[in-house]
Amino acid sequence: MCGIAGSIGPNPSVRDVKSMCAAMIHRGPDNTGTFEDDNCILGQNRLSILDLSVAGNQPFYSEDGRYAMVFNGEIYNYIELKSKFKDHVFKSNSDTEVLLVAFQRMGIKALPLLNGMFSFAVWDKHLKKLTAVRDRFGVKPFYYGFKDENLYFASEIRPLFEVGFPKEPNIEVWSEYLNRGGYSVGDSTFWKGVTNLKPGHLLEWQESKLQVRKWYDFEQNIAEIWCENKPDPKSRIKELLLDSTRLRFRSDVPVGFNLSGGLDSSMLFALISNQFPEKTQIEAFTFYTGDERYDELSYVENLVKGSSYRLNKVKLSSGEVPDLADELVNNMSEPYGGLPTIAYSKLFKVANEKGFKVLLDGQGADEAWAGYDYYFNSNNSNVQGTNASPFRPGVLVPELRDYPQGKSQSKPFPEDLLNQQYKDIFNTKLQRALRFSDQMSMKYSTELREPFLDFRLVEEVFALPLELKRQGKIQKWLFREIAADFLTNSLRLAPKRPLQTPQREWLSQELQPWAMDHIQTLDKIGWFDMDKIQKEVDLFMKGNNDSSFHIWQWINTALIFK
């Protein structure tokens, strides 16, 4: 929905906050507003989704003038929440005002009532206190750090660099990425001095003291679901799937959705078409590359055939990759996921050009339903669908190669599968996917909504017994049983396919000069043995390319440091 920024402390800077907002104007080109107090400056770039009038502009203020809020995201159940405050005269039809009233009345006790994706910051003028909150699963970002004794925060990392944060690599995170493909864990980022507010956490600043704590107790909620032992999980989860999709169509601007040929995407289409069959203004978007070995265009075309929805087919050509790669890396400031991410980013670019500010996709189902193949076999690769190791730690200098392995993962549940799912939801796979999705969608001023990450749904599904997640070799078993009410057997029983592009072919052929130009610049960083790099590149270019992830890692690193 937006980009938010702030400077809080003894000497907050209006100029810095305005600079941070300017650096992420793409997140909210419809309006920019600032709030100023003795110890707090807040800024917000607005992407207008609900209540398009000036009444929905931010920062938002409480009627008594005590609170000022900047908010990024959507509270999908804002209409239901609004009914709880019948004595309040609302001045807008925005979810922001509902959120502020809820916080004003209930403080952080309002947080469990919120169904949405959000990061927001509230300044209390009376207590001179900042409270900042991030949603349960970290759909919306919040980065922070300190400069000149002041706390700074922003929705992206690059704005912090723009106001003087040093671009100093966090060697622990870079080592984990280059050795094992990790994209950072917990509150760490790829840069020293820049901290990620973890999903389901909040921070409070008062009198130059910062406290960060957890507000969302996922583990306790799962324990309570187990104790309840609810009957008929199929009906219950089916209703949650329908309701979570319905809520995410609340918008005052056109809404579309993304499609691939997989089960999750097909189910999303079914949930939408079941509830909005005649809404011809809803449009679907899919990307393809023209390579039939990887494209799923025929699946998608068959899926939407006969529906009222227009299908927008977005083709990525190899010649577009260099420019799109530069656009993304300038925005993300951290590594991202290769050519599939670039192809996906073009989809958002086209959607924006067509006037769609909101898209839905099927992200998040695999983590909750245990849908990845490595949950049930010995393949521990972070890159789905590869047989050979995707990593080449041998090309690193000892400082990077032998750096101590990062933080150990907590194991709060009694079963290994649940702990692996928990890790993927809160620390690894889902977190990096959400980071990619937020940054590339908002780069093109488009909001991405994920119905399968409705917290009610994730909790219910995560808590299911193993036999409802997998039977025999069929993964996501109950999900497929629910899908039988909407989809043909050929769609609902299809095996999981990783989302792929001809990355290995393009990097070794059409894009080889571009790849080589970037890889050759890695010597200036000082992390790589360039002779060993050259040998690995030669092997790849000569056909030893079952995995291309290491080549992409090196290109991506070169792009970031160029």
Protein backbone atom coordinates (compact mmCIF):
# COMPACT_ATOMS: atom_id res chain seq x y z
CA MET A 1 0.00 0.00 0.00
CA CYS A 2 2.69 2.50 0.96
CA GLY A 3 6.16 3.36 2.14
CA ILE A 4 6.80 4.67 5.64
CA ALA A 5 9.84 6.34 7.20
CA GLY A 6 10.82 8.01 10.43
CA SER A 7 13.53 9.72 12.47
CA ILE A 8 13.12 9.66 16.26
CA GLY A 9 15.44 10.93 18.96
CA PRO A 10 17.10 14.03 20.39
CA ASN A 11 17.74 15.55 16.95
CA PRO A 12 15.34 14.06 14.35
CA SER A 13 15.81 15.26 10.80
CA VAL A 14 12.95 16.48 8.62
CA ARG A 15 15.28 16.59 5.64
CA ASP A 16 16.33 12.96 6.15
CA VAL A 17 12.73 11.74 6.38
CA LYS A 18 11.80 13.62 3.22
CA SER A 19 14.87 12.15 1.50
CA MET A 20 13.88 8.63 2.56
CA CYS A 21 10.36 9.18 1.23
CA ALA A 22 11.76 10.51 -2.05
CA ALA A 23 13.96 7.40 -2.38
CA MET A 24 10.91 5.12 -2.27
CA ILE A 25 8.30 7.26 -4.01
CA HIS A 26 7.49 4.21 -6.17
CA ARG A 27 5.85 2.63 -3.10
CA GLY A 28 3.28 5.43 -2.92
CA PRO A 29 3.23 7.98 -5.75
CA ASP A 30 -0.27 9.28 -4.94
CA ASN A 31 0.61 11.46 -1.95
CA THR A 32 3.49 12.19 0.43
CA GLY A 33 2.93 13.52 3.93
CA THR A 34 5.07 14.25 6.99
CA PHE A 35 4.50 14.77 10.71
CA GLU A 36 6.84 16.82 12.91
CA ASP A 37 7.23 16.86 16.68
CA ASP A 38 10.15 17.73 18.99
CA ASN A 39 11.53 14.17 19.02
CA CYS A 40 9.80 12.56 16.07
CA ILE A 41 9.51 13.04 12.32
CA LEU A 42 7.29 10.61 10.38
CA GLY A 43 6.82 10.32 6.63
CA GLN A 44 4.58 8.31 4.33
CA ASN A 45 4.20 7.73 0.59
CA ARG A 46 0.62 6.74 -0.21
CA LEU A 47 -0.59 4.22 -2.77
CA SER A 48 -4.33 4.89 -2.66
CA ILE A 49 -6.33 1.66 -2.39
CA LEU A 50 -9.17 2.35 0.07
CA ASP A 51 -10.92 5.74 0.26
CA LEU A 52 -9.18 7.46 -2.64
CA SER A 53 -10.05 10.92 -1.30
CA VAL A 54 -7.71 13.22 0.63
CA ALA A 55 -9.42 11.98 3.80
CA GLY A 56 -7.33 8.83 3.49
CA ASN A 57 -3.98 10.63 3.27
CA GLN A 58 -1.35 10.08 5.96
CA PRO A 59 0.09 10.70 8.51
CA PHE A 60 -3.18 10.09 10.33
CA TYR A 61 -4.00 11.87 13.57
CA SER A 62 -6.27 10.98 16.46
CA GLU A 63 -9.08 13.42 17.20
CA ASP A 64 -7.46 14.56 20.43
CA GLY A 65 -4.14 15.20 18.67
CA ARG A 66 -2.26 12.77 20.91
CA TYR A 67 -1.36 10.16 18.30
CA ALA A 68 0.15 10.34 14.82
CA MET A 69 0.35 7.23 12.65
CA VAL A 70 2.01 6.13 9.41
CA PHE A 71 0.85 2.78 8.07
CA ASN A 72 1.92 0.45 5.27
CA GLY A 73 -0.41 -2.40 4.32
CA GLU A 74 -4.08 -3.32 4.52
CA ILE A 75 -6.38 -4.30 7.37
CA TYR A 76 -8.75 -6.59 5.47
CA ASN A 77 -11.32 -6.86 8.26
CA TYR A 78 -11.49 -3.09 8.85
CA ILE A 79 -15.27 -3.03 8.23
CA GLU A 80 -15.89 -5.58 10.99
CA LEU A 81 -13.48 -3.76 13.32
CA LYS A 82 -15.15 -0.44 12.60
CA SER A 83 -18.44 -1.81 13.96
CA LYS A 84 -16.77 -2.23 17.38
CA PHE A 85 -16.35 1.54 17.71
CA LYS A 86 -19.89 2.77 17.12
CA ASP A 87 -19.36 5.79 19.36
CA HIS A 88 -16.60 7.14 17.11
CA VAL A 89 -17.50 9.47 14.24
CA PHE A 90 -15.26 8.33 11.39
CA LYS A 91 -14.04 11.02 9.00
CA SER A 92 -12.92 8.62 6.26
CA ASN A 93 -13.66 5.23 4.77
CA SER A 94 -10.06 4.09 5.17
CA ASP A 95 -8.68 1.16 7.11
CA THR A 96 -5.98 3.50 8.47
CA GLU A 97 -8.47 5.42 10.59
CA VAL A 98 -9.96 2.19 11.93
CA LEU A 99 -6.46 0.98 12.85
CA LEU A 100 -5.63 4.23 14.64
CA VAL A 101 -8.90 4.24 16.59
CA ALA A 102 -8.31 0.61 17.61
CA PHE A 103 -4.80 1.46 18.79
CA GLN A 104 -6.02 4.59 20.59
CA ARG A 105 -8.69 2.61 22.46
CA MET A 106 -6.86 -0.66 23.08
CA GLY A 107 -3.14 -0.15 22.53
CA ILE A 108 -1.26 -3.28 21.50
CA LYS A 109 -4.17 -5.40 22.76
CA ALA A 110 -5.81 -4.50 19.43
CA LEU A 111 -3.16 -6.37 17.44
CA PRO A 112 -4.70 -9.88 17.66
CA LEU A 113 -7.92 -8.44 16.17
CA LEU A 114 -6.16 -7.35 12.97
CA ASN A 115 -6.49 -9.54 9.90
CA GLY A 116 -4.12 -8.08 7.39
CA MET A 117 -0.60 -7.30 6.29
CA PHE A 118 0.92 -4.31 8.01
CA SER A 119 3.83 -2.39 9.35
CA PHE A 120 2.93 0.81 11.13
CA ALA A 121 4.39 3.33 13.54
CA VAL A 122 2.47 5.41 16.11
CA TRP A 123 3.89 8.40 17.94
CA ASP A 124 2.40 9.27 21.33
CA LYS A 125 2.93 13.02 21.81
CA HIS A 126 2.11 12.88 25.53
CA LEU A 127 4.51 10.07 26.43
CA LYS A 128 7.06 10.95 23.70
CA LYS A 129 6.95 7.28 22.73
CA LEU A 130 7.10 5.46 19.39
CA THR A 131 5.45 2.08 18.91
CA ALA A 132 6.13 0.24 15.64
CA VAL A 133 4.54 -3.08 14.71
CA ARG A 134 5.06 -5.68 11.98
CA ASP A 135 2.43 -8.21 10.90
CA ARG A 136 2.38 -11.84 11.96
CA PHE A 137 4.26 -13.36 9.01
CA GLY A 138 6.24 -10.32 7.87
CA VAL A 139 4.37 -9.61 4.63
CA LYS A 140 5.16 -5.92 4.98
CA PRO A 141 8.76 -4.84 5.74
CA PHE A 142 10.23 -2.66 8.48
CA TYR A 143 13.96 -1.85 8.60
CA TYR A 144 15.59 0.26 11.28
CA GLY A 145 18.92 1.42 12.68
CA PHE A 146 20.64 4.27 14.54
CA LYS A 147 22.46 7.35 13.26
CA ASP A 148 23.65 10.23 15.42
CA GLU A 149 21.77 8.82 18.43
CA ASN A 150 18.50 8.88 16.50
CA LEU A 151 16.38 5.88 15.54
CA TYR A 152 15.62 5.69 11.81
CA PHE A 153 13.20 3.36 10.06
CA ALA A 154 11.99 2.79 6.50
CA SER A 155 10.10 0.27 4.37
CA GLU A 156 13.23 -0.39 2.30
CA ILE A 157 16.98 -0.45 2.99
CA ARG A 158 18.11 1.91 0.23
CA PRO A 159 16.46 4.99 1.81
CA LEU A 160 18.64 4.44 4.88
CA PHE A 161 21.73 4.50 2.68
CA GLU A 162 20.44 7.71 1.10
CA VAL A 163 20.59 9.50 4.47
CA GLY A 164 24.06 8.40 5.45
CA PHE A 165 23.89 4.85 6.79
CA PRO A 166 27.18 3.20 5.76
CA LYS A 167 26.87 0.45 3.17
CA GLU A 168 29.02 -1.96 5.17
CA PRO A 169 28.52 -5.68 4.43
CA ASN A 170 27.38 -8.01 7.20
CA ILE A 171 29.97 -10.73 6.60
CA GLU A 172 28.06 -13.37 8.57
CA VAL A 173 25.01 -13.01 6.30
CA TRP A 174 27.00 -12.77 3.08
CA SER A 175 28.97 -15.87 4.08
CA GLU A 176 25.76 -17.80 4.75
CA TYR A 177 24.36 -16.70 1.38
CA LEU A 178 27.45 -17.56 -0.67
CA ASN A 179 28.16 -20.84 1.17
CA ARG A 180 24.68 -22.22 1.67
CA GLY A 181 22.19 -19.94 -0.08
CA GLY A 182 20.74 -18.39 3.09
CA TYR A 183 19.14 -14.99 2.67
CA SER A 184 19.48 -13.81 6.32
CA VAL A 185 17.72 -15.09 9.42
CA GLY A 186 15.77 -13.33 12.14
CA ASP A 187 16.53 -9.65 12.51
CA SER A 188 19.76 -9.67 10.48
CA THR A 189 20.18 -8.12 7.04
CA PHE A 190 23.04 -8.12 4.53
CA TRP A 191 24.23 -4.79 5.94
CA LYS A 192 25.73 -3.86 9.30
CA GLY A 193 23.72 -1.31 11.19
CA VAL A 194 20.45 -2.16 9.41
CA THR A 195 18.07 -4.38 11.39
CA ASN A 196 14.96 -6.18 10.24
CA LEU A 197 12.02 -6.05 12.65
CA LYS A 198 11.06 -9.71 12.83
CA PRO A 199 7.58 -10.94 11.86
CA GLY A 200 5.09 -10.73 14.69
CA HIS A 201 7.28 -8.33 16.68
CA LEU A 202 6.99 -4.74 17.82
CA LEU A 203 9.47 -2.12 18.94
CA GLU A 204 9.02 0.67 21.45
CA TRP A 205 11.27 3.75 21.73
CA GLN A 206 11.09 6.11 24.67
CA GLU A 207 13.73 8.37 26.24
CA SER A 208 16.38 6.97 23.90
CA LYS A 209 15.70 3.41 25.06
CA LEU A 210 14.66 0.78 22.53
CA GLN A 211 12.80 -2.42 23.37
CA VAL A 212 11.88 -5.09 20.82
CA ARG A 213 9.51 -7.90 21.73
CA LYS A 214 7.23 -10.50 20.27
CA TRP A 215 3.51 -9.76 20.12
CA TYR A 216 2.28 -12.73 18.02
CA ASP A 217 2.52 -16.07 19.84
CA PHE A 218 2.14 -18.54 16.99
CA GLU A 219 3.27 -21.46 19.13
CA GLN A 220 0.65 -20.79 21.80
CA ASN A 221 -2.08 -20.44 19.19
CA ILE A 222 -1.16 -23.81 17.70
CA ALA A 223 -1.23 -25.41 21.15
CA GLU A 224 -4.72 -24.00 21.73
CA ILE A 225 -5.97 -25.38 18.40
CA TRP A 226 -4.62 -28.81 19.33
CA CYS A 227 -6.50 -28.63 22.63
CA GLU A 228 -9.76 -27.65 20.92
CA ASN A 229 -9.76 -30.74 18.66
CA LYS A 230 -12.26 -29.22 16.22
CA PRO A 231 -14.31 -31.62 14.04
CA ASP A 232 -14.63 -31.60 10.22
CA PRO A 233 -11.37 -29.85 9.22
CA LYS A 234 -12.25 -30.04 5.51
CA SER A 235 -15.36 -27.85 5.83
CA ARG A 236 -13.69 -25.48 8.25
CA ILE A 237 -10.62 -24.91 6.07
CA LYS A 238 -12.68 -24.65 2.90
CA GLU A 239 -14.68 -21.82 4.45
CA LEU A 240 -11.50 -20.10 5.57
CA LEU A 241 -10.08 -20.35 2.04
CA LEU A 242 -13.18 -18.72 0.61
CA ASP A 243 -13.37 -16.03 3.27
CA SER A 244 -9.69 -15.09 3.11
CA THR A 245 -10.00 -14.64 -0.66
CA ARG A 246 -13.20 -12.61 -0.35
CA LEU A 247 -11.64 -10.25 2.21
CA ARG A 248 -8.69 -9.57 -0.08
CA PHE A 249 -10.97 -8.23 -2.79
CA ARG A 250 -11.90 -5.24 -0.64
CA SER A 251 -10.63 -2.33 -2.66
CA ASP A 252 -11.65 0.94 -4.28
CA VAL A 253 -9.37 0.28 -7.26
CA PRO A 254 -9.26 -2.61 -9.79
CA VAL A 255 -8.08 -5.98 -8.45
CA GLY A 256 -6.42 -8.71 -10.48
CA PHE A 257 -4.59 -11.94 -9.73
CA ASN A 258 -1.50 -13.83 -10.80
CA LEU A 259 -1.54 -17.32 -12.26
CA SER A 260 0.90 -20.13 -12.97
CA GLY A 261 0.11 -23.73 -13.80
CA GLY A 262 0.50 -25.09 -10.27
CA LEU A 263 -2.06 -26.35 -7.78
CA ASP A 264 -1.94 -23.29 -5.51
CA SER A 265 -2.46 -20.91 -8.39
CA SER A 266 -5.27 -23.04 -9.82
CA MET A 267 -6.95 -23.13 -6.41
CA LEU A 268 -6.69 -19.35 -6.14
CA PHE A 269 -8.42 -19.02 -9.51
CA ALA A 270 -11.14 -21.41 -8.35
CA LEU A 271 -11.74 -19.50 -5.11
CA ILE A 272 -12.01 -16.22 -7.02
CA SER A 273 -14.25 -17.51 -9.80
CA ASN A 274 -16.50 -19.26 -7.27
CA GLN A 275 -17.23 -15.97 -5.50
CA PHE A 276 -16.90 -13.39 -8.28
CA PRO A 277 -17.94 -15.28 -11.45
CA GLU A 278 -19.37 -12.32 -13.36
CA LYS A 279 -16.91 -9.56 -12.43
CA THR A 280 -15.42 -8.90 -15.85
CA GLN A 281 -13.25 -6.08 -14.51
CA ILE A 282 -11.13 -8.70 -12.70
CA GLU A 283 -8.15 -9.69 -14.86
CA ALA A 284 -5.53 -12.43 -14.60
CA PHE A 285 -1.78 -12.06 -15.24
CA THR A 286 0.81 -14.68 -16.07
CA PHE A 287 4.37 -14.58 -17.37
CA TYR A 288 6.12 -16.77 -19.90
CA THR A 289 9.42 -16.81 -21.80
CA GLY A 290 8.60 -18.56 -25.07
CA ASP A 291 10.50 -21.70 -24.01
CA GLU A 292 8.02 -24.59 -23.87
CA ARG A 293 10.34 -26.62 -21.62
CA TYR A 294 9.58 -24.21 -18.79
CA ASP A 295 6.48 -22.21 -19.67
CA GLU A 296 3.13 -23.02 -18.12
CA LEU A 297 1.14 -20.83 -20.46
CA SER A 298 -0.96 -23.67 -21.90
CA TYR A 299 -2.03 -24.74 -18.37
CA VAL A 300 -3.04 -21.20 -17.51
CA GLU A 301 -4.93 -20.67 -20.76
CA ASN A 302 -6.92 -23.86 -20.19
CA LEU A 303 -7.61 -22.85 -16.61
CA VAL A 304 -9.19 -19.48 -17.45
CA LYS A 305 -10.90 -20.70 -20.62
CA GLY A 306 -14.61 -20.10 -20.34
CA SER A 307 -14.30 -17.66 -17.45
CA SER A 308 -15.19 -13.97 -17.62
CA TYR A 309 -11.61 -12.94 -16.81
CA ARG A 310 -9.22 -11.48 -19.35
CA LEU A 311 -5.79 -13.17 -19.30
CA ASN A 312 -2.79 -10.86 -19.68
CA LYS A 313 0.18 -12.85 -21.00
CA VAL A 314 3.46 -11.14 -20.11
CA LYS A 315 6.48 -12.37 -22.08
CA LEU A 316 10.02 -11.95 -20.79
CA SER A 317 12.77 -11.98 -23.42
CA SER A 318 16.44 -12.49 -22.65
CA GLY A 319 17.23 -9.02 -23.96
CA GLU A 320 15.11 -7.42 -21.23
CA VAL A 321 16.95 -9.11 -18.36
CA PRO A 322 19.89 -6.68 -17.91
CA ASP A 323 17.72 -3.57 -17.54
CA LEU A 324 15.16 -5.28 -15.32
CA ALA A 325 17.94 -6.75 -13.18
CA ASP A 326 19.37 -3.28 -12.64
CA GLU A 327 15.95 -1.88 -11.74
CA LEU A 328 15.36 -4.56 -9.13
CA VAL A 329 18.78 -4.49 -7.51
CA ASN A 330 18.58 -0.71 -7.12
CA ASN A 331 15.35 -1.24 -5.22
CA MET A 332 16.13 -4.33 -3.15
CA SER A 333 19.70 -3.65 -1.93
CA GLU A 334 19.97 -7.37 -1.13
CA PRO A 335 20.23 -10.53 -3.26
CA TYR A 336 17.07 -11.79 -4.94
CA GLY A 337 15.96 -14.96 -6.66
CA GLY A 338 17.23 -14.97 -10.23
CA LEU A 339 15.40 -14.83 -13.54
CA PRO A 340 12.05 -16.11 -12.18
CA THR A 341 11.98 -13.05 -9.91
CA ILE A 342 12.88 -10.81 -12.85
CA ALA A 343 10.10 -12.38 -14.95
CA TYR A 344 7.65 -11.89 -12.10
CA SER A 345 8.71 -8.26 -11.74
CA LYS A 346 7.81 -7.57 -15.37
CA LEU A 347 4.33 -8.90 -14.63
CA PHE A 348 3.86 -6.18 -11.99
CA LYS A 349 5.23 -3.59 -14.37
CA VAL A 350 2.61 -4.53 -16.98
CA ALA A 351 -0.16 -4.66 -14.36
CA ASN A 352 0.72 -1.14 -13.25
CA GLU A 353 0.69 0.10 -16.84
CA LYS A 354 -2.81 -1.38 -17.20
CA GLY A 355 -4.05 0.43 -14.11
CA PHE A 356 -4.09 -2.49 -11.65
CA LYS A 357 -2.89 -1.42 -8.22
CA VAL A 358 -3.81 -4.67 -6.46
CA LEU A 359 -2.96 -8.27 -7.40
CA LEU A 360 -3.48 -11.54 -5.51
CA ASP A 361 -1.26 -14.60 -5.71
CA GLY A 362 -1.02 -18.08 -4.20
CA GLN A 363 2.08 -17.62 -2.05
CA GLY A 364 2.39 -19.28 1.34
CA ALA A 365 0.48 -22.53 0.89
CA ASP A 366 3.52 -24.81 0.65
CA GLU A 367 4.99 -23.70 3.97
CA ALA A 368 1.72 -24.21 5.88
CA TRP A 369 0.73 -27.45 4.12
CA ALA A 370 4.26 -28.99 4.02
CA GLY A 371 4.27 -28.94 0.24
CA TYR A 372 8.01 -28.93 -0.50
CA ASP A 373 9.65 -32.20 -1.50
CA TYR A 374 12.54 -31.88 0.98
CA TYR A 375 10.10 -32.14 3.90
CA PHE A 376 9.92 -35.86 3.17
CA ASN A 377 13.28 -36.75 1.61
CA SER A 378 16.97 -36.15 2.15
CA ASN A 379 17.28 -33.26 -0.31
CA ASN A 380 18.19 -30.29 1.87
CA SER A 381 18.74 -27.92 -1.03
CA ASN A 382 17.35 -24.44 -0.66
CA VAL A 383 16.77 -24.42 -4.41
CA GLN A 384 13.73 -26.49 -5.33
CA GLY A 385 14.11 -28.76 -8.35
CA THR A 386 17.91 -29.16 -8.55
CA ASN A 387 19.86 -32.40 -8.25
CA ALA A 388 23.44 -31.12 -8.09
CA SER A 389 24.55 -28.80 -5.32
CA PRO A 390 23.64 -25.22 -6.27
CA PHE A 391 26.49 -23.76 -4.20
CA ARG A 392 30.23 -23.33 -4.84
CA PRO A 393 31.84 -22.45 -1.49
CA GLY A 394 35.25 -23.51 -2.81
CA VAL A 395 35.62 -20.25 -4.77
CA LEU A 396 35.49 -18.14 -1.60
CA VAL A 397 38.51 -16.83 0.27
CA PRO A 398 38.97 -18.45 3.72
CA GLU A 399 37.46 -15.45 5.55
CA LEU A 400 34.11 -16.05 3.82
CA ARG A 401 34.31 -19.82 3.36
CA ASP A 402 35.22 -20.62 6.97
CA TYR A 403 33.10 -17.99 8.68
CA PRO A 404 31.24 -19.61 11.60
CA GLN A 405 27.77 -20.82 10.65
CA GLY A 406 24.94 -18.48 11.58
CA LYS A 407 22.25 -18.57 14.21
CA SER A 408 20.77 -21.90 15.25
CA GLN A 409 17.06 -22.34 14.68
CA SER A 410 14.60 -22.77 17.53
CA LYS A 411 12.57 -25.98 17.64
CA PRO A 412 9.39 -25.22 19.58
CA PHE A 413 7.38 -28.23 18.39
CA PRO A 414 7.63 -31.95 19.18
CA GLU A 415 7.85 -33.07 15.53
CA ASP A 416 10.70 -32.47 13.08
CA LEU A 417 8.29 -31.69 10.25
CA LEU A 418 6.57 -28.95 12.25
CA ASN A 419 9.90 -27.44 13.21
CA GLN A 420 10.99 -27.43 9.56
CA GLN A 421 7.73 -25.74 8.58
CA TYR A 422 8.14 -23.24 11.42
CA LYS A 423 11.66 -22.43 10.23
CA ASP A 424 10.49 -21.93 6.66
CA ILE A 425 7.57 -19.69 7.70
CA PHE A 426 9.41 -17.39 10.10
CA ASN A 427 13.06 -17.53 9.03
CA THR A 428 13.87 -18.91 5.60
CA LYS A 429 11.76 -19.75 2.53
CA LEU A 430 8.66 -17.69 3.16
CA GLN A 431 10.61 -14.73 4.49
CA ARG A 432 12.80 -14.41 1.43
CA ALA A 433 9.83 -14.96 -0.91
CA LEU A 434 7.85 -12.23 0.85
CA ARG A 435 10.83 -9.87 0.67
CA PHE A 436 11.19 -10.48 -3.07
CA SER A 437 7.46 -10.07 -3.63
CA ASP A 438 7.06 -6.88 -1.66
CA GLN A 439 10.06 -5.18 -3.23
CA MET A 440 9.32 -6.11 -6.85
CA SER A 441 5.58 -5.41 -6.66
CA MET A 442 6.01 -2.07 -4.89
CA LYS A 443 8.79 -1.11 -7.30
CA TYR A 444 5.95 -0.77 -9.80
CA SER A 445 3.43 0.73 -7.34
CA THR A 446 1.40 -2.47 -7.09
CA GLU A 447 0.13 -4.08 -3.90
CA LEU A 448 0.36 -7.86 -3.62
CA ARG A 449 -2.10 -9.73 -1.41
CA GLU A 450 -1.76 -13.37 -0.32
CA PRO A 451 -5.02 -15.11 0.69
CA PHE A 452 -3.22 -18.29 1.74
CA LEU A 453 -1.37 -16.29 4.42
CA ASP A 454 -4.51 -15.33 6.29
CA PHE A 455 -3.38 -16.07 9.86
CA ARG A 456 -6.56 -18.02 10.65
CA LEU A 457 -5.87 -20.31 7.71
CA VAL A 458 -2.14 -20.75 8.39
CA GLU A 459 -2.76 -21.68 12.03
CA GLU A 460 -5.52 -24.19 11.24
CA VAL A 461 -3.50 -25.85 8.49
CA PHE A 462 -0.22 -25.92 10.40
CA ALA A 463 -1.98 -27.62 13.33
CA LEU A 464 -3.41 -30.44 11.19
CA PRO A 465 -2.17 -33.98 11.91
CA LEU A 466 0.43 -35.33 9.50
CA GLU A 467 -1.99 -37.74 7.81
CA LEU A 468 -4.04 -34.78 6.56
CA LYS A 469 -0.96 -33.12 5.09
CA ARG A 470 0.39 -36.24 3.42
CA GLN A 471 -1.02 -39.64 2.51
CA GLY A 472 1.28 -42.05 0.75
CA LYS A 473 3.21 -39.95 -1.73
CA ILE A 474 0.49 -37.33 -2.03
CA GLN A 475 1.52 -34.09 -0.34
CA LYS A 476 -0.93 -31.37 0.71
CA TRP A 477 -3.52 -34.16 0.82
CA LEU A 478 -6.44 -32.33 2.46
CA PHE A 479 -5.78 -29.26 0.31
CA ARG A 480 -6.20 -31.47 -2.76
CA GLU A 481 -9.36 -32.99 -1.28
CA ILE A 482 -10.82 -29.50 -0.85
CA ALA A 483 -9.69 -28.66 -4.37
CA ALA A 484 -11.84 -31.55 -5.64
CA ASP A 485 -14.87 -29.32 -4.99
CA PHE A 486 -13.50 -26.81 -7.48
CA LEU A 487 -10.94 -28.39 -9.86
CA THR A 488 -10.54 -31.35 -12.18
CA ASN A 489 -8.37 -34.27 -11.06
CA SER A 490 -5.66 -33.39 -13.59
CA LEU A 491 -5.20 -30.03 -11.87
CA ARG A 492 -5.67 -30.96 -8.23
CA LEU A 493 -3.45 -34.08 -8.37
CA ALA A 494 -0.62 -32.51 -10.38
CA PRO A 495 2.79 -32.83 -8.68
CA LYS A 496 4.55 -29.71 -7.43
CA ARG A 497 6.68 -28.02 -10.07
CA PRO A 498 9.22 -25.35 -9.21
CA LEU A 499 8.58 -22.05 -10.99
CA GLN A 500 11.31 -21.96 -13.60
CA THR A 501 12.67 -20.00 -16.54
CA PRO A 502 15.43 -20.90 -19.03
CA GLN A 503 17.94 -19.33 -16.64
CA ARG A 504 20.72 -21.86 -17.27
CA GLU A 505 20.31 -21.62 -21.05
CA TRP A 506 20.14 -17.83 -21.18
CA LEU A 507 23.11 -17.31 -18.84
CA SER A 508 25.26 -19.70 -20.86
CA GLN A 509 24.12 -18.46 -24.28
CA GLU A 510 22.25 -15.20 -25.02
CA LEU A 511 23.23 -13.56 -21.75
CA GLN A 512 26.75 -14.97 -21.52
CA PRO A 513 28.53 -11.66 -22.30
CA TRP A 514 26.41 -9.83 -19.72
CA ALA A 515 27.04 -12.55 -17.14
CA MET A 516 30.78 -12.57 -17.77
CA ASP A 517 31.07 -8.77 -17.63
CA HIS A 518 29.58 -8.77 -14.13
CA ILE A 519 31.35 -11.84 -12.76
CA GLN A 520 34.73 -10.40 -13.78
CA THR A 521 34.14 -7.41 -11.49
CA LEU A 522 33.99 -9.61 -8.36
CA ASP A 523 37.75 -9.30 -7.83
CA LYS A 524 37.31 -5.77 -6.45
CA ILE A 525 35.22 -7.11 -3.52
CA GLY A 526 38.04 -9.36 -2.30
CA TRP A 527 35.84 -12.32 -1.37
CA PHE A 528 36.58 -14.64 -4.28
CA ASP A 529 39.45 -16.64 -5.74
CA MET A 530 39.05 -15.42 -9.30
CA ASP A 531 40.97 -18.35 -10.83
CA LYS A 532 38.54 -20.79 -9.20
CA ILE A 533 35.60 -18.63 -10.28
CA GLN A 534 36.84 -18.76 -13.88
CA LYS A 535 37.13 -22.56 -13.79
CA GLU A 536 33.56 -22.90 -12.49
CA VAL A 537 32.27 -20.45 -15.10
CA ASP A 538 34.08 -22.34 -17.88
CA LEU A 539 32.49 -25.62 -16.74
CA PHE A 540 29.06 -24.01 -16.69
CA MET A 541 29.43 -22.41 -20.12
CA LYS A 542 30.58 -25.75 -21.56
CA GLY A 543 27.42 -27.51 -20.44
CA ASN A 544 27.90 -28.51 -16.78
CA ASN A 545 24.83 -26.49 -15.88
CA ASP A 546 22.36 -28.68 -14.02
CA SER A 547 22.32 -25.82 -11.52
CA SER A 548 22.78 -22.18 -12.47
CA PHE A 549 22.17 -20.74 -9.02
CA HIS A 550 25.87 -20.19 -8.25
CA ILE A 551 26.26 -18.23 -11.50
CA TRP A 552 23.28 -16.09 -10.55
CA GLN A 553 24.68 -15.58 -7.03
CA TRP A 554 27.86 -14.12 -8.46
CA ILE A 555 26.03 -11.90 -10.96
CA ASN A 556 23.67 -10.67 -8.25
CA THR A 557 26.56 -9.92 -5.89
CA ALA A 558 28.36 -8.01 -8.63
CA LEU A 559 25.20 -6.01 -9.40
CA ILE A 560 24.84 -5.00 -5.74
CA PHE A 561 28.46 -3.85 -5.39
CA LYS A 562 28.94 -2.23 -8.78
